[in-house]
Amino acid sequence: MILKRLLLVVGIIFMALACTNLKGPEKPKKLISKDKMVDILIDARLLTSANSKNKMIMRDSGLDMNNYVFKKHNIDSLQFALSNSYYSYYVDEYEEIYTKLTDSLTKLKEVLKEQEAKEWKEQTKREADSLAAVLKEKNKTVDSLNVNPIDKSVFKKPNGERLKKNNGEIDEEKLLEESIQEIEGLVEPISDKGFQ
């Protein structure tokens, strides 16, 4: 019974000593500022979200993707790990960093969409201008050949006589009607009823 009480007292003492370390990690000597952490996390997110083709291009150009972000921001991996551990323990501060990160990425996405839309408009305008220039050049070529417009007064009826002008205009409906009558006399319509 005395042994049980002794074990209980020793257990409570160990628990009390263990709980004194719950105040969180110590602030690192080279703590990265919140704004710089946002910039680092943005670069890391962009680098990891690159598609495989872009990653291959980066590797082929000699970019060390594992250390690029650290070199760019002039930090080392230990400094980042300690700062990240410190901020992640204090949830309010880490949430502030995360909020800035998501806002920045959202704004960056909007800017990229606007830029893509602008480039698309410019490309479409260049293509339309190019097409217009080709058509204009084609029209100049046709005009330079001195091609006269068709004189509708020389149209002939299917039987060979010339069409008469009606107040200076050709009766196109009459021409079409007469042409159809002429063709109907030459070709018999085919019915699909006999093939059933």
N, C-alpha and C. Protein backbone atom coordinates (compact mmCIF):
# COMPACT_ATOMS: atom_id res chain seq x y z
N MET A 1 0.83 -1.18 0.00
CA MET A 1 0.00 0.00 0.00
C MET A 1 0.88 1.24 0.00
N ILE A 2 1.96 1.19 0.76
CA ILE A 2 2.89 2.32 0.79
C ILE A 2 3.56 2.44 -0.57
N LEU A 3 3.83 1.32 -1.22
CA LEU A 3 4.47 1.32 -2.53
C LEU A 3 3.56 1.95 -3.58
N LYS A 4 2.27 1.70 -3.49
CA LYS A 4 1.32 2.28 -4.42
C LYS A 4 1.27 3.78 -4.25
N ARG A 5 1.27 4.26 -2.98
CA ARG A 5 1.24 5.71 -2.74
C ARG A 5 2.53 6.35 -3.22
N LEU A 6 3.63 5.68 -3.04
CA LEU A 6 4.92 6.22 -3.48
C LEU A 6 4.95 6.32 -5.01
N LEU A 7 4.47 5.29 -5.69
CA LEU A 7 4.41 5.32 -7.15
C LEU A 7 3.47 6.43 -7.64
N LEU A 8 2.38 6.62 -6.95
CA LEU A 8 1.44 7.68 -7.32
C LEU A 8 2.07 9.05 -7.16
N VAL A 9 2.77 9.28 -6.06
CA VAL A 9 3.44 10.58 -5.82
C VAL A 9 4.53 10.80 -6.85
N VAL A 10 5.32 9.81 -7.15
CA VAL A 10 6.40 9.94 -8.15
C VAL A 10 5.79 10.21 -9.53
N GLY A 11 4.70 9.54 -9.85
CA GLY A 11 4.02 9.76 -11.13
C GLY A 11 3.52 11.18 -11.26
N ILE A 12 2.93 11.72 -10.18
CA ILE A 12 2.42 13.09 -10.19
C ILE A 12 3.57 14.07 -10.37
N ILE A 13 4.68 13.82 -9.72
CA ILE A 13 5.85 14.70 -9.84
C ILE A 13 6.36 14.70 -11.29
N PHE A 14 6.46 13.52 -11.90
CA PHE A 14 6.90 13.45 -13.30
C PHE A 14 5.93 14.17 -14.23
N MET A 15 4.67 14.03 -13.97
CA MET A 15 3.67 14.72 -14.81
C MET A 15 3.79 16.23 -14.67
N ALA A 16 4.00 16.68 -13.44
CA ALA A 16 4.15 18.12 -13.20
C ALA A 16 5.38 18.66 -13.92
N LEU A 17 6.48 17.90 -13.85
CA LEU A 17 7.70 18.31 -14.54
C LEU A 17 7.51 18.30 -16.06
N ALA A 18 6.77 17.34 -16.57
CA ALA A 18 6.53 17.25 -18.01
C ALA A 18 5.63 18.39 -18.48
N CYS A 19 4.67 18.80 -17.65
CA CYS A 19 3.74 19.86 -18.05
C CYS A 19 4.38 21.24 -18.02
N THR A 20 5.48 21.38 -17.35
CA THR A 20 6.12 22.70 -17.33
C THR A 20 6.71 23.05 -18.68
N ASN A 21 6.89 22.08 -19.55
CA ASN A 21 7.47 22.31 -20.87
C ASN A 21 6.38 22.60 -21.91
N LEU A 22 5.13 22.80 -21.50
CA LEU A 22 4.03 23.06 -22.41
C LEU A 22 3.92 24.52 -22.84
N LYS A 23 4.85 25.34 -22.45
CA LYS A 23 4.76 26.75 -22.83
C LYS A 23 5.09 26.96 -24.30
N GLY A 24 5.53 25.93 -25.01
CA GLY A 24 5.80 26.02 -26.43
C GLY A 24 7.27 26.14 -26.74
N PRO A 25 7.60 26.10 -28.02
CA PRO A 25 9.00 26.18 -28.40
C PRO A 25 9.55 27.58 -28.14
N GLU A 26 10.85 27.63 -27.91
CA GLU A 26 11.49 28.92 -27.71
C GLU A 26 11.55 29.66 -29.03
N LYS A 27 11.54 30.98 -28.94
CA LYS A 27 11.63 31.81 -30.14
C LYS A 27 13.04 31.66 -30.71
N PRO A 28 13.15 31.24 -31.99
CA PRO A 28 14.48 31.07 -32.57
C PRO A 28 15.24 32.40 -32.66
N LYS A 29 16.58 32.31 -32.60
CA LYS A 29 17.39 33.53 -32.68
C LYS A 29 17.24 34.21 -34.03
N LYS A 30 17.12 33.40 -35.10
CA LYS A 30 16.97 33.95 -36.46
C LYS A 30 15.56 33.68 -36.96
N LEU A 31 14.56 34.14 -36.20
CA LEU A 31 13.17 33.94 -36.58
C LEU A 31 12.87 34.72 -37.86
N ILE A 32 12.28 34.06 -38.81
CA ILE A 32 11.90 34.70 -40.07
C ILE A 32 10.63 35.50 -39.83
N SER A 33 10.59 36.72 -40.36
CA SER A 33 9.40 37.57 -40.16
C SER A 33 8.19 36.95 -40.86
N LYS A 34 7.01 37.36 -40.44
CA LYS A 34 5.77 36.82 -41.01
C LYS A 34 5.66 37.12 -42.49
N ASP A 35 6.00 38.35 -42.89
CA ASP A 35 5.90 38.72 -44.30
C ASP A 35 6.86 37.90 -45.16
N LYS A 36 8.07 37.69 -44.63
CA LYS A 36 9.05 36.89 -45.38
C LYS A 36 8.60 35.44 -45.44
N MET A 37 7.96 34.95 -44.38
CA MET A 37 7.42 33.58 -44.39
C MET A 37 6.35 33.44 -45.48
N VAL A 38 5.53 34.48 -45.63
CA VAL A 38 4.51 34.46 -46.68
C VAL A 38 5.19 34.36 -48.05
N ASP A 39 6.22 35.18 -48.28
CA ASP A 39 6.93 35.15 -49.56
C ASP A 39 7.58 33.79 -49.81
N ILE A 40 8.17 33.22 -48.78
CA ILE A 40 8.82 31.91 -48.90
C ILE A 40 7.78 30.84 -49.24
N LEU A 41 6.66 30.86 -48.54
CA LEU A 41 5.62 29.86 -48.78
C LEU A 41 4.99 30.02 -50.16
N ILE A 42 4.86 31.26 -50.65
CA ILE A 42 4.34 31.49 -52.00
C ILE A 42 5.28 30.86 -53.03
N ASP A 43 6.57 31.16 -52.89
CA ASP A 43 7.54 30.60 -53.84
C ASP A 43 7.56 29.07 -53.77
N ALA A 44 7.48 28.53 -52.58
CA ALA A 44 7.47 27.07 -52.43
C ALA A 44 6.22 26.48 -53.08
N ARG A 45 5.09 27.12 -52.87
CA ARG A 45 3.83 26.63 -53.46
C ARG A 45 3.88 26.69 -54.98
N LEU A 46 4.39 27.79 -55.53
CA LEU A 46 4.49 27.93 -56.98
C LEU A 46 5.45 26.89 -57.57
N LEU A 47 6.54 26.67 -56.89
CA LEU A 47 7.53 25.71 -57.37
C LEU A 47 6.96 24.28 -57.36
N THR A 48 6.26 23.93 -56.32
CA THR A 48 5.71 22.57 -56.23
C THR A 48 4.50 22.38 -57.14
N SER A 49 3.83 23.46 -57.52
CA SER A 49 2.64 23.32 -58.37
C SER A 49 2.97 23.33 -59.85
N ALA A 50 4.25 23.52 -60.20
CA ALA A 50 4.64 23.51 -61.62
C ALA A 50 4.37 22.13 -62.21
N ASN A 51 3.93 22.12 -63.46
CA ASN A 51 3.68 20.82 -64.09
C ASN A 51 5.00 20.15 -64.46
N SER A 52 4.93 18.91 -64.83
CA SER A 52 6.15 18.13 -65.06
C SER A 52 7.01 18.69 -66.18
N LYS A 53 6.37 19.25 -67.20
CA LYS A 53 7.14 19.84 -68.31
C LYS A 53 7.97 21.03 -67.82
N ASN A 54 7.35 21.89 -67.02
CA ASN A 54 8.07 23.04 -66.48
C ASN A 54 9.16 22.61 -65.51
N LYS A 55 8.89 21.58 -64.71
CA LYS A 55 9.91 21.08 -63.79
C LYS A 55 11.11 20.54 -64.56
N MET A 56 10.84 19.86 -65.69
CA MET A 56 11.92 19.33 -66.50
C MET A 56 12.75 20.49 -67.09
N ILE A 57 12.08 21.53 -67.52
CA ILE A 57 12.78 22.70 -68.06
C ILE A 57 13.65 23.34 -66.99
N MET A 58 13.12 23.44 -65.76
CA MET A 58 13.90 24.02 -64.67
C MET A 58 15.12 23.16 -64.34
N ARG A 59 14.93 21.84 -64.31
CA ARG A 59 16.06 20.95 -64.03
C ARG A 59 17.11 21.03 -65.13
N ASP A 60 16.65 21.06 -66.39
CA ASP A 60 17.58 21.13 -67.52
C ASP A 60 18.37 22.43 -67.55
N SER A 61 17.79 23.50 -67.01
CA SER A 61 18.50 24.78 -66.98
C SER A 61 19.44 24.88 -65.78
N GLY A 62 19.51 23.83 -64.98
CA GLY A 62 20.45 23.78 -63.86
C GLY A 62 19.90 24.33 -62.56
N LEU A 63 18.60 24.46 -62.43
CA LEU A 63 18.00 24.98 -61.21
C LEU A 63 17.91 23.87 -60.16
N ASP A 64 18.45 24.12 -58.98
CA ASP A 64 18.36 23.17 -57.87
C ASP A 64 17.03 23.43 -57.16
N MET A 65 16.02 22.65 -57.52
CA MET A 65 14.66 22.90 -57.01
C MET A 65 14.55 22.69 -55.51
N ASN A 66 15.39 21.84 -54.94
CA ASN A 66 15.32 21.58 -53.50
C ASN A 66 15.81 22.77 -52.67
N ASN A 67 16.73 23.53 -53.20
CA ASN A 67 17.32 24.64 -52.44
C ASN A 67 17.03 26.01 -53.05
N TYR A 68 16.26 26.07 -54.12
CA TYR A 68 16.00 27.33 -54.82
C TYR A 68 15.38 28.39 -53.90
N VAL A 69 14.35 28.00 -53.18
CA VAL A 69 13.63 28.95 -52.31
C VAL A 69 14.55 29.45 -51.20
N PHE A 70 15.34 28.55 -50.64
CA PHE A 70 16.25 28.95 -49.56
C PHE A 70 17.30 29.94 -50.07
N LYS A 71 17.87 29.66 -51.23
CA LYS A 71 18.88 30.56 -51.80
C LYS A 71 18.27 31.91 -52.18
N LYS A 72 17.06 31.87 -52.74
CA LYS A 72 16.41 33.11 -53.16
C LYS A 72 16.17 34.05 -51.97
N HIS A 73 15.76 33.49 -50.85
CA HIS A 73 15.43 34.31 -49.67
C HIS A 73 16.59 34.39 -48.67
N ASN A 74 17.72 33.83 -49.04
CA ASN A 74 18.93 33.92 -48.23
C ASN A 74 18.72 33.36 -46.81
N ILE A 75 18.15 32.16 -46.77
CA ILE A 75 17.93 31.46 -45.49
C ILE A 75 18.44 30.03 -45.66
N ASP A 76 18.50 29.29 -44.57
CA ASP A 76 18.83 27.88 -44.66
C ASP A 76 17.64 27.04 -44.19
N SER A 77 17.71 25.76 -44.46
CA SER A 77 16.57 24.89 -44.15
C SER A 77 16.30 24.79 -42.65
N LEU A 78 17.34 24.85 -41.82
CA LEU A 78 17.16 24.78 -40.37
C LEU A 78 16.43 26.03 -39.87
N GLN A 79 16.82 27.19 -40.38
CA GLN A 79 16.16 28.43 -39.98
C GLN A 79 14.68 28.40 -40.37
N PHE A 80 14.38 27.89 -41.56
CA PHE A 80 12.99 27.78 -41.99
C PHE A 80 12.23 26.79 -41.11
N ALA A 81 12.84 25.63 -40.82
CA ALA A 81 12.17 24.61 -40.02
C ALA A 81 11.87 25.12 -38.61
N LEU A 82 12.83 25.81 -37.98
CA LEU A 82 12.60 26.36 -36.63
C LEU A 82 11.53 27.44 -36.64
N SER A 83 11.57 28.32 -37.64
CA SER A 83 10.56 29.38 -37.73
C SER A 83 9.18 28.81 -38.00
N ASN A 84 9.13 27.82 -38.89
CA ASN A 84 7.85 27.20 -39.21
C ASN A 84 7.28 26.48 -37.99
N SER A 85 8.14 25.81 -37.23
CA SER A 85 7.71 25.13 -36.00
C SER A 85 7.20 26.13 -34.98
N TYR A 86 7.91 27.24 -34.84
CA TYR A 86 7.51 28.27 -33.88
C TYR A 86 6.14 28.84 -34.25
N TYR A 87 5.96 29.23 -35.53
CA TYR A 87 4.69 29.83 -35.95
C TYR A 87 3.55 28.82 -35.91
N SER A 88 3.83 27.56 -36.23
CA SER A 88 2.75 26.57 -36.23
C SER A 88 2.28 26.25 -34.81
N TYR A 89 3.13 26.47 -33.80
CA TYR A 89 2.68 26.27 -32.42
C TYR A 89 1.71 27.37 -32.02
N TYR A 90 1.99 28.58 -32.43
CA TYR A 90 1.10 29.70 -32.14
C TYR A 90 0.12 29.85 -33.30
N VAL A 91 -1.00 29.21 -33.17
CA VAL A 91 -1.97 29.05 -34.25
C VAL A 91 -2.45 30.39 -34.80
N ASP A 92 -2.67 31.38 -33.94
CA ASP A 92 -3.16 32.68 -34.40
C ASP A 92 -2.16 33.33 -35.37
N GLU A 93 -0.89 33.25 -35.05
CA GLU A 93 0.12 33.84 -35.91
C GLU A 93 0.24 33.05 -37.22
N TYR A 94 0.16 31.74 -37.12
CA TYR A 94 0.27 30.92 -38.33
C TYR A 94 -0.96 31.12 -39.22
N GLU A 95 -2.12 31.31 -38.60
CA GLU A 95 -3.34 31.57 -39.37
C GLU A 95 -3.23 32.90 -40.11
N GLU A 96 -2.61 33.90 -39.47
CA GLU A 96 -2.37 35.19 -40.12
C GLU A 96 -1.46 35.01 -41.35
N ILE A 97 -0.42 34.22 -41.20
CA ILE A 97 0.48 33.93 -42.32
C ILE A 97 -0.27 33.20 -43.43
N TYR A 98 -1.05 32.21 -43.05
CA TYR A 98 -1.80 31.42 -44.03
C TYR A 98 -2.83 32.28 -44.76
N THR A 99 -3.49 33.20 -44.06
CA THR A 99 -4.47 34.09 -44.68
C THR A 99 -3.79 34.99 -45.71
N LYS A 100 -2.64 35.56 -45.34
CA LYS A 100 -1.89 36.38 -46.30
C LYS A 100 -1.46 35.55 -47.50
N LEU A 101 -1.06 34.32 -47.25
CA LEU A 101 -0.64 33.43 -48.33
C LEU A 101 -1.78 33.19 -49.31
N THR A 102 -2.94 32.82 -48.81
CA THR A 102 -4.08 32.53 -49.69
C THR A 102 -4.54 33.78 -50.43
N ASP A 103 -4.55 34.94 -49.74
CA ASP A 103 -4.92 36.19 -50.41
C ASP A 103 -3.94 36.53 -51.53
N SER A 104 -2.66 36.36 -51.27
CA SER A 104 -1.64 36.66 -52.28
C SER A 104 -1.77 35.74 -53.48
N LEU A 105 -1.99 34.46 -53.23
CA LEU A 105 -2.13 33.50 -54.33
C LEU A 105 -3.39 33.78 -55.14
N THR A 106 -4.46 34.18 -54.46
CA THR A 106 -5.70 34.53 -55.17
C THR A 106 -5.48 35.75 -56.06
N LYS A 107 -4.82 36.78 -55.53
CA LYS A 107 -4.54 37.98 -56.34
C LYS A 107 -3.63 37.64 -57.51
N LEU A 108 -2.63 36.81 -57.27
CA LEU A 108 -1.72 36.41 -58.33
C LEU A 108 -2.46 35.67 -59.43
N LYS A 109 -3.40 34.82 -59.04
CA LYS A 109 -4.19 34.07 -60.01
C LYS A 109 -5.04 35.02 -60.84
N GLU A 110 -5.64 36.03 -60.20
CA GLU A 110 -6.45 37.01 -60.92
C GLU A 110 -5.60 37.81 -61.91
N VAL A 111 -4.42 38.22 -61.47
CA VAL A 111 -3.52 38.98 -62.35
C VAL A 111 -3.12 38.13 -63.56
N LEU A 112 -2.81 36.85 -63.33
CA LEU A 112 -2.44 35.97 -64.43
C LEU A 112 -3.60 35.76 -65.40
N LYS A 113 -4.82 35.63 -64.87
CA LYS A 113 -5.99 35.48 -65.75
C LYS A 113 -6.19 36.74 -66.59
N GLU A 114 -6.04 37.92 -65.98
CA GLU A 114 -6.16 39.17 -66.72
C GLU A 114 -5.09 39.26 -67.80
N GLN A 115 -3.87 38.87 -67.47
CA GLN A 115 -2.78 38.91 -68.43
C GLN A 115 -3.04 37.94 -69.59
N GLU A 116 -3.52 36.75 -69.28
CA GLU A 116 -3.83 35.78 -70.33
C GLU A 116 -4.95 36.30 -71.22
N ALA A 117 -5.97 36.93 -70.63
CA ALA A 117 -7.07 37.49 -71.42
C ALA A 117 -6.55 38.61 -72.33
N LYS A 118 -5.67 39.44 -71.80
CA LYS A 118 -5.10 40.54 -72.60
C LYS A 118 -4.26 39.98 -73.75
N GLU A 119 -3.44 38.97 -73.46
CA GLU A 119 -2.63 38.35 -74.51
C GLU A 119 -3.51 37.69 -75.55
N TRP A 120 -4.60 37.05 -75.13
CA TRP A 120 -5.52 36.42 -76.07
C TRP A 120 -6.16 37.46 -76.98
N LYS A 121 -6.59 38.60 -76.39
CA LYS A 121 -7.18 39.67 -77.19
C LYS A 121 -6.18 40.20 -78.21
N GLU A 122 -4.94 40.41 -77.76
CA GLU A 122 -3.91 40.91 -78.67
C GLU A 122 -3.64 39.92 -79.79
N GLN A 123 -3.57 38.64 -79.46
CA GLN A 123 -3.33 37.61 -80.47
C GLN A 123 -4.49 37.58 -81.46
N THR A 124 -5.72 37.64 -80.96
CA THR A 124 -6.89 37.63 -81.83
C THR A 124 -6.89 38.84 -82.73
N LYS A 125 -6.53 40.01 -82.18
CA LYS A 125 -6.49 41.24 -82.98
C LYS A 125 -5.41 41.12 -84.06
N ARG A 126 -4.24 40.58 -83.71
CA ARG A 126 -3.17 40.40 -84.70
C ARG A 126 -3.63 39.47 -85.82
N GLU A 127 -4.32 38.38 -85.45
CA GLU A 127 -4.81 37.45 -86.46
C GLU A 127 -5.85 38.11 -87.35
N ALA A 128 -6.76 38.88 -86.76
CA ALA A 128 -7.79 39.58 -87.54
C ALA A 128 -7.15 40.61 -88.47
N ASP A 129 -6.16 41.35 -87.95
CA ASP A 129 -5.47 42.34 -88.78
C ASP A 129 -4.73 41.66 -89.93
N SER A 130 -4.10 40.53 -89.64
CA SER A 130 -3.39 39.79 -90.67
C SER A 130 -4.34 39.29 -91.75
N LEU A 131 -5.49 38.76 -91.32
CA LEU A 131 -6.49 38.29 -92.26
C LEU A 131 -7.03 39.44 -93.10
N ALA A 132 -7.28 40.57 -92.46
CA ALA A 132 -7.77 41.74 -93.20
C ALA A 132 -6.74 42.20 -94.22
N ALA A 133 -5.47 42.17 -93.86
CA ALA A 133 -4.41 42.57 -94.79
C ALA A 133 -4.35 41.62 -95.98
N VAL A 134 -4.49 40.32 -95.74
CA VAL A 134 -4.48 39.34 -96.83
C VAL A 134 -5.66 39.56 -97.75
N LEU A 135 -6.85 39.78 -97.17
CA LEU A 135 -8.04 40.03 -97.99
C LEU A 135 -7.91 41.32 -98.78
N LYS A 136 -7.35 42.33 -98.17
CA LYS A 136 -7.15 43.60 -98.86
C LYS A 136 -6.18 43.42 -100.03
N GLU A 137 -5.12 42.66 -99.80
CA GLU A 137 -4.14 42.40 -100.85
C GLU A 137 -4.78 41.59 -101.98
N LYS A 138 -5.63 40.64 -101.61
CA LYS A 138 -6.33 39.83 -102.61
C LYS A 138 -7.24 40.70 -103.45
N ASN A 139 -7.97 41.62 -102.80
CA ASN A 139 -8.84 42.53 -103.54
C ASN A 139 -8.05 43.43 -104.47
N LYS A 140 -6.88 43.87 -104.05
CA LYS A 140 -6.04 44.69 -104.91
C LYS A 140 -5.61 43.89 -106.14
N THR A 141 -5.30 42.62 -105.93
CA THR A 141 -4.89 41.76 -107.04
C THR A 141 -6.03 41.59 -108.03
N VAL A 142 -7.24 41.35 -107.52
CA VAL A 142 -8.40 41.20 -108.40
C VAL A 142 -8.66 42.50 -109.15
N ASP A 143 -8.55 43.64 -108.47
CA ASP A 143 -8.77 44.93 -109.11
C ASP A 143 -7.71 45.21 -110.16
N SER A 144 -6.49 44.77 -109.92
CA SER A 144 -5.40 45.04 -110.86
C SER A 144 -5.55 44.21 -112.13
N LEU A 145 -6.35 43.13 -112.10
CA LEU A 145 -6.57 42.31 -113.29
C LEU A 145 -7.61 42.93 -114.22
N ASN A 146 -8.20 44.05 -113.83
CA ASN A 146 -9.22 44.76 -114.62
C ASN A 146 -10.40 43.87 -114.97
N VAL A 147 -10.88 43.11 -114.02
CA VAL A 147 -12.04 42.25 -114.23
C VAL A 147 -13.28 43.10 -114.15
N ASN A 148 -14.09 43.08 -115.20
CA ASN A 148 -15.33 43.86 -115.24
C ASN A 148 -16.43 43.10 -114.53
N PRO A 149 -17.30 43.81 -113.85
CA PRO A 149 -18.42 43.11 -113.23
C PRO A 149 -19.32 42.50 -114.30
N ILE A 150 -20.08 41.48 -113.94
CA ILE A 150 -20.94 40.78 -114.89
C ILE A 150 -22.08 41.70 -115.31
N ASP A 151 -22.30 41.76 -116.59
CA ASP A 151 -23.40 42.54 -117.13
C ASP A 151 -24.62 41.63 -117.18
N LYS A 152 -25.57 41.86 -116.31
CA LYS A 152 -26.73 40.97 -116.19
C LYS A 152 -27.64 41.05 -117.40
N SER A 153 -27.51 42.04 -118.23
CA SER A 153 -28.38 42.16 -119.39
C SER A 153 -28.05 41.12 -120.45
N VAL A 154 -26.89 40.44 -120.32
CA VAL A 154 -26.52 39.44 -121.32
C VAL A 154 -26.96 38.04 -120.93
N PHE A 155 -27.65 37.88 -119.83
CA PHE A 155 -28.15 36.56 -119.47
C PHE A 155 -29.10 36.07 -120.55
N LYS A 156 -29.05 34.80 -120.79
CA LYS A 156 -29.92 34.22 -121.80
C LYS A 156 -30.85 33.23 -121.14
N LYS A 157 -32.01 33.07 -121.74
CA LYS A 157 -32.94 32.06 -121.30
C LYS A 157 -32.40 30.71 -121.72
N PRO A 158 -32.89 29.64 -121.09
CA PRO A 158 -32.41 28.31 -121.47
C PRO A 158 -32.62 27.99 -122.95
N ASN A 159 -33.63 28.56 -123.57
CA ASN A 159 -33.90 28.27 -124.99
C ASN A 159 -33.01 29.11 -125.91
N GLY A 160 -32.17 30.00 -125.35
CA GLY A 160 -31.21 30.74 -126.16
C GLY A 160 -31.53 32.20 -126.34
N GLU A 161 -32.78 32.61 -126.17
CA GLU A 161 -33.06 34.03 -126.37
C GLU A 161 -32.65 34.84 -125.14
N ARG A 162 -32.31 36.07 -125.39
CA ARG A 162 -31.83 36.92 -124.30
C ARG A 162 -32.97 37.29 -123.36
N LEU A 163 -32.59 37.45 -122.07
CA LEU A 163 -33.58 37.90 -121.09
C LEU A 163 -33.88 39.37 -121.33
N LYS A 164 -35.10 39.71 -121.08
CA LYS A 164 -35.49 41.10 -121.23
C LYS A 164 -35.38 41.77 -119.88
N LYS A 165 -34.96 43.00 -119.92
CA LYS A 165 -34.87 43.76 -118.67
C LYS A 165 -36.24 44.29 -118.32
N ASN A 166 -36.53 44.27 -117.04
CA ASN A 166 -37.77 44.82 -116.54
C ASN A 166 -37.41 46.07 -115.76
N ASN A 167 -37.61 47.22 -116.33
CA ASN A 167 -37.21 48.50 -115.73
C ASN A 167 -35.71 48.52 -115.43
N GLY A 168 -34.93 47.93 -116.32
CA GLY A 168 -33.48 47.94 -116.15
C GLY A 168 -32.97 46.82 -115.27
N GLU A 169 -33.86 45.98 -114.76
CA GLU A 169 -33.44 44.89 -113.89
C GLU A 169 -33.86 43.56 -114.48
N ILE A 170 -33.09 42.54 -114.21
CA ILE A 170 -33.40 41.20 -114.70
C ILE A 170 -34.40 40.58 -113.73
N ASP A 171 -35.38 39.91 -114.28
CA ASP A 171 -36.36 39.22 -113.47
C ASP A 171 -35.76 37.86 -113.10
N GLU A 172 -35.08 37.82 -111.97
CA GLU A 172 -34.34 36.62 -111.55
C GLU A 172 -35.28 35.48 -111.20
N GLU A 173 -36.44 35.78 -110.64
CA GLU A 173 -37.39 34.73 -110.30
C GLU A 173 -37.89 34.04 -111.57
N LYS A 174 -38.14 34.83 -112.58
CA LYS A 174 -38.61 34.26 -113.83
C LYS A 174 -37.52 33.40 -114.45
N LEU A 175 -36.26 33.85 -114.39
CA LEU A 175 -35.14 33.08 -114.92
C LEU A 175 -35.03 31.75 -114.19
N LEU A 176 -35.14 31.76 -112.90
CA LEU A 176 -35.04 30.55 -112.10
C LEU A 176 -36.18 29.59 -112.44
N GLU A 177 -37.41 30.12 -112.57
CA GLU A 177 -38.56 29.30 -112.88
C GLU A 177 -38.42 28.63 -114.24
N GLU A 178 -37.96 29.40 -115.22
CA GLU A 178 -37.79 28.85 -116.56
C GLU A 178 -36.67 27.81 -116.58
N SER A 179 -35.60 28.03 -115.80
CA SER A 179 -34.50 27.07 -115.75
C SER A 179 -34.96 25.76 -115.12
N ILE A 180 -35.77 25.84 -114.10
CA ILE A 180 -36.28 24.63 -113.44
C ILE A 180 -37.18 23.87 -114.39
N GLN A 181 -38.05 24.57 -115.14
CA GLN A 181 -38.93 23.90 -116.09
C GLN A 181 -38.12 23.19 -117.17
N GLU A 182 -37.06 23.83 -117.62
CA GLU A 182 -36.20 23.25 -118.64
C GLU A 182 -35.52 21.99 -118.10
N ILE A 183 -35.03 22.04 -116.86
CA ILE A 183 -34.34 20.90 -116.26
C ILE A 183 -35.32 19.76 -115.98
N GLU A 184 -36.53 20.08 -115.54
CA GLU A 184 -37.51 19.05 -115.25
C GLU A 184 -37.84 18.24 -116.49
N GLY A 185 -37.79 18.87 -117.65
CA GLY A 185 -38.04 18.15 -118.89
C GLY A 185 -36.91 17.19 -119.21
N LEU A 186 -35.70 17.45 -118.72
CA LEU A 186 -34.54 16.60 -119.03
C LEU A 186 -34.37 15.46 -118.04
N VAL A 187 -34.69 15.66 -116.79
CA VAL A 187 -34.44 14.68 -115.75
C VAL A 187 -35.74 14.29 -115.07
N GLU A 188 -35.97 12.97 -114.96
CA GLU A 188 -37.15 12.50 -114.27
C GLU A 188 -36.86 12.37 -112.79
N PRO A 189 -37.72 12.80 -111.91
CA PRO A 189 -37.49 12.63 -110.48
C PRO A 189 -37.48 11.14 -110.11
N ILE A 190 -36.64 10.79 -109.16
CA ILE A 190 -36.52 9.41 -108.70
C ILE A 190 -37.27 9.27 -107.39
N SER A 191 -38.05 8.24 -107.28
CA SER A 191 -38.82 8.00 -106.08
C SER A 191 -38.24 6.78 -105.38
N ASP A 192 -38.25 6.81 -104.06
CA ASP A 192 -37.74 5.67 -103.30
C ASP A 192 -38.85 4.66 -103.01
N LYS A 193 -40.04 4.90 -103.51
CA LYS A 193 -41.14 3.98 -103.23
C LYS A 193 -40.96 2.65 -103.95
N GLY A 194 -40.32 2.65 -105.09
CA GLY A 194 -40.15 1.43 -105.84
C GLY A 194 -39.10 0.51 -105.25
N PHE A 195 -38.29 1.00 -104.34
CA PHE A 195 -37.20 0.21 -103.78
C PHE A 195 -37.57 -0.51 -102.49
N GLN A 196 -38.79 -0.46 -102.07
CA GLN A 196 -39.16 -1.07 -100.79
C GLN A 196 -39.39 -2.52 -100.88
